[in-house]
Protein backbone atom coordinates (compact mmCIF):
# COMPACT_ATOMS: atom_id res chain seq x y z
CA MET A 1 -72.25 158.86 -166.35
CA VAL A 2 -69.76 157.27 -163.94
CA ILE A 3 -69.51 153.48 -163.87
CA GLU A 4 -68.14 151.95 -160.67
CA SER A 5 -65.14 149.74 -161.28
CA PRO A 6 -63.04 147.55 -158.98
CA CYS A 7 -59.93 148.25 -161.08
CA ILE A 8 -56.83 149.23 -159.07
CA LEU A 9 -54.47 149.48 -162.08
CA VAL A 10 -52.87 146.09 -161.46
CA CYS A 11 -53.92 144.68 -164.81
CA VAL A 12 -52.30 141.25 -164.89
CA ILE A 13 -54.23 138.01 -165.35
CA ASP A 14 -53.27 135.02 -163.18
CA GLN A 15 -52.67 132.17 -165.60
CA LYS A 16 -53.85 129.55 -163.08
CA THR A 17 -57.22 131.07 -162.22
CA GLY A 18 -57.90 133.46 -165.10
CA PHE A 19 -58.57 136.30 -162.64
CA CYS A 20 -56.85 139.68 -162.55
CA PHE A 21 -54.37 139.96 -159.69
CA GLY A 22 -55.63 143.46 -158.91
CA CYS A 23 -59.41 143.32 -159.14
CA GLY A 24 -60.32 139.65 -159.49
CA ARG A 25 -62.25 139.97 -162.75
CA THR A 26 -61.72 137.77 -165.79
CA SER A 27 -60.41 139.30 -169.00
CA ALA A 28 -63.89 138.87 -170.54
CA GLU A 29 -65.50 140.70 -167.61
CA ILE A 30 -62.95 143.50 -167.90
CA ALA A 31 -63.63 143.82 -171.64
CA ASP A 32 -67.42 143.74 -171.17
CA TRP A 33 -67.55 145.92 -168.03
CA ILE A 34 -68.83 149.08 -169.68
CA THR A 35 -71.65 147.24 -171.49
CA MET A 36 -72.77 145.12 -168.51
CA THR A 37 -75.98 145.96 -166.75
CA PRO A 38 -75.60 147.52 -163.30
CA GLU A 39 -77.07 144.32 -161.85
CA ARG A 40 -74.47 142.13 -163.57
CA ARG A 41 -71.63 144.42 -162.45
CA ALA A 42 -72.94 144.23 -158.87
CA SER A 43 -73.04 140.44 -159.12
CA VAL A 44 -69.43 140.30 -160.33
CA ILE A 45 -68.31 142.73 -157.61
CA ALA A 46 -69.94 140.49 -154.97
CA GLU A 47 -67.84 137.54 -156.21
CA LEU A 48 -64.49 139.36 -156.18
CA PRO A 49 -63.43 138.87 -152.53
CA GLY A 50 -63.73 135.10 -152.89
CA ARG A 51 -61.85 135.12 -156.17
CA LEU A 52 -59.03 137.28 -154.83
CA SER A 53 -58.57 135.05 -151.79
CA GLY A 54 -57.86 132.14 -154.13
CA ILE A 55 -55.03 133.66 -156.15
CA GLU A 56 -51.43 134.30 -155.34
CA ARG A 57 -50.99 138.07 -155.30
CA LYS A 58 -47.71 138.22 -157.21
CA PRO A 59 -48.00 139.33 -160.85
CA ARG A 60 -45.43 137.83 -163.21
CA ARG A 61 -44.55 141.17 -164.76
CA GLU A 62 -44.27 144.76 -163.69
CA THR A 63 -47.73 146.18 -163.16
CA ARG A 64 -48.90 149.41 -164.72
CA ARG A 65 -49.12 151.02 -161.27
CA ALA A 66 -45.52 150.00 -160.42
CA ARG A 67 -44.26 151.22 -163.79
CA MET A 68 -46.02 154.57 -163.39
CA ALA A 69 -44.53 154.98 -159.90
CA ARG A 70 -41.06 154.03 -161.17
CA GLU A 71 -41.32 156.52 -164.02
CA ARG A 72 -42.32 159.25 -161.56
CA GLY A 73 -39.33 158.30 -159.42
CA GLY A 74 -41.45 157.02 -156.54
CA ALA A 75 -41.61 153.68 -154.78
CA SER A 76 -44.07 151.00 -155.87
């Protein structure tokens, strides 16, 4: 079974809003994602554009995606 996820491998939580810089979910939503009902996941996904528009899109540390690109020798 495949579960849709908004994750883009930028797993850093904004300390001001509590939302992930990459996907807009809270750490609790990320942790509970696999056990959420499809309806609850759809509800969270519907809220993400509004959440993402309210956070500054600059993580405070190197993201996993940037680190993986750097380790492969590519640009981030």
